[in-house]
PDB file of N, CA and C in Angstrom:
ATOM      1  N   MET A   1       0.862  -0.935  -0.005  1.00  0.00           N
ATOM      2  CA  MET A   1       0.070   0.033   0.200  1.00  0.00           C
ATOM      3  C   MET A   1       0.973   0.968   0.302  1.00  0.00           C
ATOM      4  N   SER A   2       0.462   2.175  -0.907  1.00  0.00           N
ATOM      5  CA  SER A   2       1.268   3.440  -0.677  1.00  0.00           C
ATOM      6  C   SER A   2       0.200   4.685  -0.334  1.00  0.00           C
ATOM      7  N   VAL A   3       0.998   6.095  -0.505  1.00  0.00           N
ATOM      8  CA  VAL A   3      -0.006   7.099   0.249  1.00  0.00           C
ATOM      9  C   VAL A   3       0.170   8.230  -0.966  1.00  0.00           C
ATOM     10  N   SER A   4      -1.044   8.830  -1.195  1.00  0.00           N
ATOM     11  CA  SER A   4      -1.070   9.814  -2.291  1.00  0.00           C
ATOM     12  C   SER A   4      -1.246  11.336  -1.119  1.00  0.00           C
ATOM     13  N   TYR A   5      -0.913  12.043  -1.438  1.00  0.00           N
ATOM     14  CA  TYR A   5      -1.175  13.472  -0.940  1.00  0.00           C
ATOM     15  C   TYR A   5      -1.828  14.440  -1.732  1.00  0.00           C
ATOM     16  N   LYS A   6      -2.215  14.175  -3.227  1.00  0.00           N
ATOM     17  CA  LYS A   6      -3.023  14.826  -3.711  1.00  0.00           C
ATOM     18  C   LYS A   6      -3.927  15.836  -3.343  1.00  0.00           C
ATOM     19  N   LYS A   7      -4.661  15.154  -2.296  1.00  0.00           N
ATOM     20  CA  LYS A   7      -5.912  16.366  -1.643  1.00  0.00           C
ATOM     21  C   LYS A   7      -4.905  17.297  -0.977  1.00  0.00           C
ATOM     22  N   LEU A   8      -4.137  16.975  -0.348  1.00  0.00           N
ATOM     23  CA  LEU A   8      -3.295  17.942   0.268  1.00  0.00           C
ATOM     24  C   LEU A   8      -2.808  18.953  -0.886  1.00  0.00           C
ATOM     25  N   LEU A   9      -2.354  18.272  -1.683  1.00  0.00           N
ATOM     26  CA  LEU A   9      -1.462  19.236  -2.687  1.00  0.00           C
ATOM     27  C   LEU A   9      -2.990  20.615  -3.535  1.00  0.00           C
ATOM     28  N   HIS A  10      -3.665  19.876  -3.645  1.00  0.00           N
ATOM     29  CA  HIS A  10      -4.512  20.698  -4.406  1.00  0.00           C
ATOM     30  C   HIS A  10      -5.377  21.631  -3.007  1.00  0.00           C
ATOM     31  N   MET A  11      -5.421  21.451  -2.092  1.00  0.00           N
ATOM     32  CA  MET A  11      -6.069  22.193  -0.783  1.00  0.00           C
ATOM     33  C   MET A  11      -5.080  23.313  -0.687  1.00  0.00           C
ATOM     34  N   MET A  12      -3.856  22.913  -0.974  1.00  0.00           N
ATOM     35  CA  MET A  12      -2.969  24.274  -0.653  1.00  0.00           C
ATOM     36  C   MET A  12      -3.142  25.220  -1.845  1.00  0.00           C
ATOM     37  N   ILE A  13      -3.449  24.561  -3.195  1.00  0.00           N
ATOM     38  CA  ILE A  13      -3.746  25.484  -4.091  1.00  0.00           C
ATOM     39  C   ILE A  13      -4.934  26.004  -3.934  1.00  0.00           C
ATOM     40  N   GLU A  14      -5.772  25.416  -3.882  1.00  0.00           N
ATOM     41  CA  GLU A  14      -7.349  26.440  -3.108  1.00  0.00           C
ATOM     42  C   GLU A  14      -7.064  27.419  -2.246  1.00  0.00           C
ATOM     43  N   LYS A  15      -6.479  27.199  -0.925  1.00  0.00           N
ATOM     44  CA  LYS A  15      -6.242  27.842   0.118  1.00  0.00           C
ATOM     45  C   LYS A  15      -5.266  29.115  -0.299  1.00  0.00           C
ATOM     46  N   ASP A  16      -4.435  29.107  -1.635  1.00  0.00           N
ATOM     47  CA  ASP A  16      -3.154  29.750  -1.974  1.00  0.00           C
ATOM     48  C   ASP A  16      -2.123  29.519  -0.629  1.00  0.00           C
ATOM     49  N   ILE A  17      -1.829  28.485  -0.168  1.00  0.00           N
ATOM     50  CA  ILE A  17      -0.503  28.173   0.995  1.00  0.00           C
ATOM     51  C   ILE A  17       0.529  27.751   0.381  1.00  0.00           C
ATOM     52  N   SER A  18       1.465  28.085   0.158  1.00  0.00           N
ATOM     53  CA  SER A  18       2.789  27.737  -0.115  1.00  0.00           C
ATOM     54  C   SER A  18       3.259  26.955   0.785  1.00  0.00           C
ATOM     55  N   ASN A  19       4.727  26.339   0.059  1.00  0.00           N
ATOM     56  CA  ASN A  19       5.153  25.138   0.781  1.00  0.00           C
ATOM     57  C   ASN A  19       5.861  26.053   2.238  1.00  0.00           C
ATOM     58  N   GLN A  20       6.473  27.418   1.749  1.00  0.00           N
ATOM     59  CA  GLN A  20       6.976  28.016   3.429  1.00  0.00           C
ATOM     60  C   GLN A  20       6.009  28.244   4.113  1.00  0.00           C
ATOM     61  N   GLU A  21       4.749  28.431   3.813  1.00  0.00           N
ATOM     62  CA  GLU A  21       3.760  29.116   4.607  1.00  0.00           C
ATOM     63  C   GLU A  21       3.358  27.490   5.278  1.00  0.00           C
ATOM     64  N   LEU A  22       3.009  26.391   4.718  1.00  0.00           N
ATOM     65  CA  LEU A  22       2.830  25.298   5.383  1.00  0.00           C
ATOM     66  C   LEU A  22       3.569  24.749   6.413  1.00  0.00           C
ATOM     67  N   MET A  23       4.950  25.069   5.778  1.00  0.00           N
ATOM     68  CA  MET A  23       6.229  24.769   6.979  1.00  0.00           C
ATOM     69  C   MET A  23       5.921  25.383   7.991  1.00  0.00           C
ATOM     70  N   ARG A  24       5.786  26.862   8.076  1.00  0.00           N
ATOM     71  CA  ARG A  24       5.394  28.006   9.098  1.00  0.00           C
ATOM     72  C   ARG A  24       3.998  27.898  10.014  1.00  0.00           C
ATOM     73  N   GLN A  25       3.178  27.118   9.264  1.00  0.00           N
ATOM     74  CA  GLN A  25       1.584  27.514  10.289  1.00  0.00           C
ATOM     75  C   GLN A  25       1.921  25.855  10.866  1.00  0.00           C
ATOM     76  N   ALA A  26       2.677  24.565  10.086  1.00  0.00           N
ATOM     77  CA  ALA A  26       2.139  23.486  10.754  1.00  0.00           C
ATOM     78  C   ALA A  26       3.847  23.090  11.723  1.00  0.00           C
ATOM     79  N   LYS A  27       4.761  24.236  11.482  1.00  0.00           N
ATOM     80  CA  LYS A  27       5.761  23.515  12.169  1.00  0.00           C
ATOM     81  C   LYS A  27       6.599  22.247  11.659  1.00  0.00           C
ATOM     82  N   ILE A  28       6.760  22.323  10.617  1.00  0.00           N
ATOM     83  CA  ILE A  28       7.274  20.929  10.183  1.00  0.00           C
ATOM     84  C   ILE A  28       8.114  21.382   8.780  1.00  0.00           C
ATOM     85  N   SER A  29       9.579  20.645   8.685  1.00  0.00           N
ATOM     86  CA  SER A  29      10.521  21.084   7.815  1.00  0.00           C
ATOM     87  C   SER A  29      10.329  20.738   5.985  1.00  0.00           C
ATOM     88  N   ALA A  30      11.320  21.135   6.082  1.00  0.00           N
ATOM     89  CA  ALA A  30      11.534  21.054   4.224  1.00  0.00           C
ATOM     90  C   ALA A  30      11.566  19.190   4.031  1.00  0.00           C
ATOM     91  N   ASN A  31      11.818  18.678   4.912  1.00  0.00           N
ATOM     92  CA  ASN A  31      12.208  17.301   4.602  1.00  0.00           C
ATOM     93  C   ASN A  31      10.446  16.642   4.201  1.00  0.00           C
ATOM     94  N   ILE A  32       9.919  17.022   5.305  1.00  0.00           N
ATOM     95  CA  ILE A  32       8.445  16.571   5.120  1.00  0.00           C
ATOM     96  C   ILE A  32       7.514  16.953   4.099  1.00  0.00           C
ATOM     97  N   ILE A  33       7.788  18.336   3.603  1.00  0.00           N
ATOM     98  CA  ILE A  33       7.339  18.676   2.397  1.00  0.00           C
ATOM     99  C   ILE A  33       7.934  17.973   1.059  1.00  0.00           C
ATOM    100  N   THR A  34       9.213  17.355   1.099  1.00  0.00           N
ATOM    101  CA  THR A  34       9.844  16.608   0.282  1.00  0.00           C
ATOM    102  C   THR A  34       9.192  15.208   0.393  1.00  0.00           C
ATOM    103  N   LYS A  35       8.982  14.896   1.405  1.00  0.00           N
ATOM    104  CA  LYS A  35       8.213  13.519   1.619  1.00  0.00           C
ATOM    105  C   LYS A  35       7.107  13.524   0.766  1.00  0.00           C
ATOM    106  N   ILE A  36       5.965  14.693   1.246  1.00  0.00           N
ATOM    107  CA  ILE A  36       4.570  15.034   0.743  1.00  0.00           C
ATOM    108  C   ILE A  36       4.865  14.679  -0.858  1.00  0.00           C
ATOM    109  N   ARG A  37       5.715  15.572  -1.674  1.00  0.00           N
ATOM    110  CA  ARG A  37       5.795  16.001  -3.028  1.00  0.00           C
ATOM    111  C   ARG A  37       6.192  14.239  -3.594  1.00  0.00           C
ATOM    112  N   ASN A  38       6.800  13.455  -2.688  1.00  0.00           N
ATOM    113  CA  ASN A  38       7.469  12.060  -3.544  1.00  0.00           C
ATOM    114  C   ASN A  38       6.447  10.900  -3.141  1.00  0.00           C
ATOM    115  N   GLY A  39       5.137  11.277  -2.489  1.00  0.00           N
ATOM    116  CA  GLY A  39       4.408  10.405  -1.940  1.00  0.00           C
ATOM    117  C   GLY A  39       4.924   8.991  -0.920  1.00  0.00           C
ATOM    118  N   GLN A  40       5.763   9.688   0.024  1.00  0.00           N
ATOM    119  CA  GLN A  40       6.392   8.955   0.789  1.00  0.00           C
ATOM    120  C   GLN A  40       5.515   8.974   2.315  1.00  0.00           C
ATOM    121  N   TYR A  41       5.674   8.043   3.201  1.00  0.00           N
ATOM    122  CA  TYR A  41       4.988   8.174   4.333  1.00  0.00           C
ATOM    123  C   TYR A  41       5.755   9.478   5.390  1.00  0.00           C
ATOM    124  N   ILE A  42       4.853   9.786   6.350  1.00  0.00           N
ATOM    125  CA  ILE A  42       5.080  10.504   7.013  1.00  0.00           C
ATOM    126  C   ILE A  42       4.993  10.258   8.170  1.00  0.00           C
ATOM    127  N   ALA A  43       5.401  10.697   9.191  1.00  0.00           N
ATOM    128  CA  ALA A  43       4.749  10.481  10.827  1.00  0.00           C
ATOM    129  C   ALA A  43       3.270  10.958  11.096  1.00  0.00           C
ATOM    130  N   LEU A  44       2.947  10.366  11.734  1.00  0.00           N
ATOM    131  CA  LEU A  44       1.304  10.475  12.711  1.00  0.00           C
ATOM    132  C   LEU A  44       1.335  12.115  13.060  1.00  0.00           C
ATOM    133  N   ASP A  45       2.269  12.567  13.851  1.00  0.00           N
ATOM    134  CA  ASP A  45       2.457  13.651  14.460  1.00  0.00           C
ATOM    135  C   ASP A  45       2.536  14.742  13.562  1.00  0.00           C
ATOM    136  N   LYS A  46       3.190  14.667  12.374  1.00  0.00           N
ATOM    137  CA  LYS A  46       3.301  15.689  11.369  1.00  0.00           C
ATOM    138  C   LYS A  46       2.391  16.104  10.325  1.00  0.00           C
ATOM    139  N   VAL A  47       1.157  14.684  10.573  1.00  0.00           N
ATOM    140  CA  VAL A  47      -0.121  14.829   9.674  1.00  0.00           C
ATOM    141  C   VAL A  47      -0.827  15.476  10.907  1.00  0.00           C
ATOM    142  N   GLU A  48      -0.933  15.187  11.902  1.00  0.00           N
ATOM    143  CA  GLU A  48      -1.815  15.764  12.897  1.00  0.00           C
ATOM    144  C   GLU A  48      -1.476  17.248  12.868  1.00  0.00           C
ATOM    145  N   SER A  49      -0.125  18.023  12.658  1.00  0.00           N
ATOM    146  CA  SER A  49       0.279  18.868  12.742  1.00  0.00           C
ATOM    147  C   SER A  49      -0.255  20.078  11.406  1.00  0.00           C
ATOM    148  N   ILE A  50      -0.335  19.343  10.320  1.00  0.00           N
ATOM    149  CA  ILE A  50      -0.965  19.850   9.139  1.00  0.00           C
ATOM    150  C   ILE A  50      -2.259  19.752   9.049  1.00  0.00           C
ATOM    151  N   CYS A  51      -2.883  18.948   9.760  1.00  0.00           N
ATOM    152  CA  CYS A  51      -4.256  19.212   9.991  1.00  0.00           C
ATOM    153  C   CYS A  51      -5.088  20.246  10.972  1.00  0.00           C
ATOM    154  N   LEU A  52      -3.938  20.462  11.966  1.00  0.00           N
ATOM    155  CA  LEU A  52      -4.396  21.733  13.187  1.00  0.00           C
ATOM    156  C   LEU A  52      -4.134  23.037  12.028  1.00  0.00           C
ATOM    157  N   ALA A  53      -3.429  23.244  11.279  1.00  0.00           N
ATOM    158  CA  ALA A  53      -2.938  24.358  10.492  1.00  0.00           C
ATOM    159  C   ALA A  53      -3.984  24.516   9.721  1.00  0.00           C
ATOM    160  N   LEU A  54      -4.343  23.493   9.169  1.00  0.00           N
ATOM    161  CA  LEU A  54      -5.399  23.694   8.176  1.00  0.00           C
ATOM    162  C   LEU A  54      -7.175  23.565   8.197  1.00  0.00           C
ATOM    163  N   ASP A  55      -6.936  22.939   9.490  1.00  0.00           N
ATOM    164  CA  ASP A  55      -8.503  22.637  10.081  1.00  0.00           C
ATOM    165  C   ASP A  55      -9.040  21.673   9.162  1.00  0.00           C
ATOM    166  N   CYS A  56      -8.121  20.894   9.257  1.00  0.00           N
ATOM    167  CA  CYS A  56      -9.065  19.696   8.571  1.00  0.00           C
ATOM    168  C   CYS A  56      -8.954  18.374   9.423  1.00  0.00           C
ATOM    169  N   THR A  57      -9.035  17.326   8.192  1.00  0.00           N
ATOM    170  CA  THR A  57      -8.929  15.524   8.909  1.00  0.00           C
ATOM    171  C   THR A  57      -8.277  15.278   7.981  1.00  0.00           C
ATOM    172  N   PRO A  58      -7.272  14.069   8.404  1.00  0.00           N
ATOM    173  CA  PRO A  58      -6.343  13.416   7.796  1.00  0.00           C
ATOM    174  C   PRO A  58      -7.141  12.576   6.452  1.00  0.00           C
ATOM    175  N   ASN A  59      -8.092  12.491   6.420  1.00  0.00           N
ATOM    176  CA  ASN A  59      -8.967  12.090   5.057  1.00  0.00           C
ATOM    177  C   ASN A  59      -9.155  13.454   4.204  1.00  0.00           C
ATOM    178  N   ASP A  60      -8.996  14.421   4.608  1.00  0.00           N
ATOM    179  CA  ASP A  60      -9.154  15.966   3.782  1.00  0.00           C
ATOM    180  C   ASP A  60      -7.726  15.897   3.024  1.00  0.00           C
ATOM    181  N   ILE A  61      -6.563  15.255   3.383  1.00  0.00           N
ATOM    182  CA  ILE A  61      -5.451  15.429   2.906  1.00  0.00           C
ATOM    183  C   ILE A  61      -4.444  14.157   2.486  1.00  0.00           C
ATOM    184  N   LEU A  62      -5.041  13.101   2.761  1.00  0.00           N
ATOM    185  CA  LEU A  62      -4.392  11.913   2.367  1.00  0.00           C
ATOM    186  C   LEU A  62      -5.332  10.998   1.959  1.00  0.00           C
ATOM    187  N   LYS A  63      -4.961  10.118   1.098  1.00  0.00           N
ATOM    188  CA  LYS A  63      -5.552   8.605   0.431  1.00  0.00           C
ATOM    189  C   LYS A  63      -4.717   7.869   0.391  1.00  0.00           C
ATOM    190  N   PHE A  64      -5.103   6.445   1.178  1.00  0.00           N
ATOM    191  CA  PHE A  64      -4.166   5.064   0.783  1.00  0.00           C
ATOM    192  C   PHE A  64      -4.155   4.766  -0.351  1.00  0.00           C
ATOM    193  N   ILE A  65      -3.479   4.409  -0.856  1.00  0.00           N
ATOM    194  CA  ILE A  65      -3.855   3.352  -2.224  1.00  0.00           C
ATOM    195  C   ILE A  65      -3.532   2.067  -2.589  1.00  0.00           C
ATOM    196  N   PRO A  66      -4.329   0.682  -2.473  1.00  0.00           N
ATOM    197  CA  PRO A  66      -3.842  -0.675  -2.766  1.00  0.00           C
ATOM    198  C   PRO A  66      -2.653  -0.738  -3.581  1.00  0.00           C
ATOM    199  N   GLU A  67      -1.914  -1.518  -3.702  1.00  0.00           N
ATOM    200  CA  GLU A  67      -0.839  -1.934  -4.913  1.00  0.00           C
ATOM    201  C   GLU A  67      -1.742  -2.537  -5.782  1.00  0.00           C
ATOM    202  N   GLU A  68      -2.812  -3.163  -5.875  1.00  0.00           N
ATOM    203  CA  GLU A  68      -3.469  -3.413  -7.070  1.00  0.00           C
ATOM    204  C   GLU A  68      -3.653  -1.943  -7.925  1.00  0.00           C
ATOM    205  N   GLU A  69      -4.332  -1.300  -7.234  1.00  0.00           N
ATOM    206  CA  GLU A  69      -4.892   0.065  -7.858  1.00  0.00           C
ATOM    207  C   GLU A  69      -3.421   1.069  -8.038  1.00  0.00           C
ATOM    208  N   LYS A  70      -2.290   0.741  -7.698  1.00  0.00           N
ATOM    209  CA  LYS A  70      -1.098   1.332  -8.198  1.00  0.00           C
ATOM    210  C   LYS A  70      -0.290   0.717  -9.135  1.00  0.00           C
ATOM    211  N   LYS A  71      -0.799  -0.232  -9.169  1.00  0.00           N
ATOM    212  CA  LYS A  71      -0.270  -1.122 -10.780  1.00  0.00           C
ATOM    213  C   LYS A  71      -1.193  -0.991 -11.872  1.00  0.00           C
ATOM    214  N   ARG A  72      -2.320  -0.658 -11.687  1.00  0.00           N
ATOM    215  CA  ARG A  72      -3.154  -0.082 -12.862  1.00  0.00           C
ATOM    216  C   ARG A  72      -2.635   0.888 -13.269  1.00  0.00           C
ATOM    217  N   GLY A  73      -1.863   1.616 -12.420  1.00  0.00           N
ATOM    218  CA  GLY A  73      -1.654   3.312 -13.148  1.00  0.00           C
ATOM    219  C   GLY A  73      -2.177   4.316 -12.680  1.00  0.00           C
TER     220      GLY A  73
END
């Protein structure tokens, strides 16, 4: 299973929030932004920080993708 943060990236565009602004508001590092952009897992406390900063839930910012769906493209 892998993770997709497309929902978060779309939300950032809709709310006109830059990577730097998210880093400041959520108190996360550039490394976390890189992991998000590359679809890598991030720690749950970082997900929580992002959700608190954006006033949303984890469901609003990420989606788990089953391996079968990932293979289909």
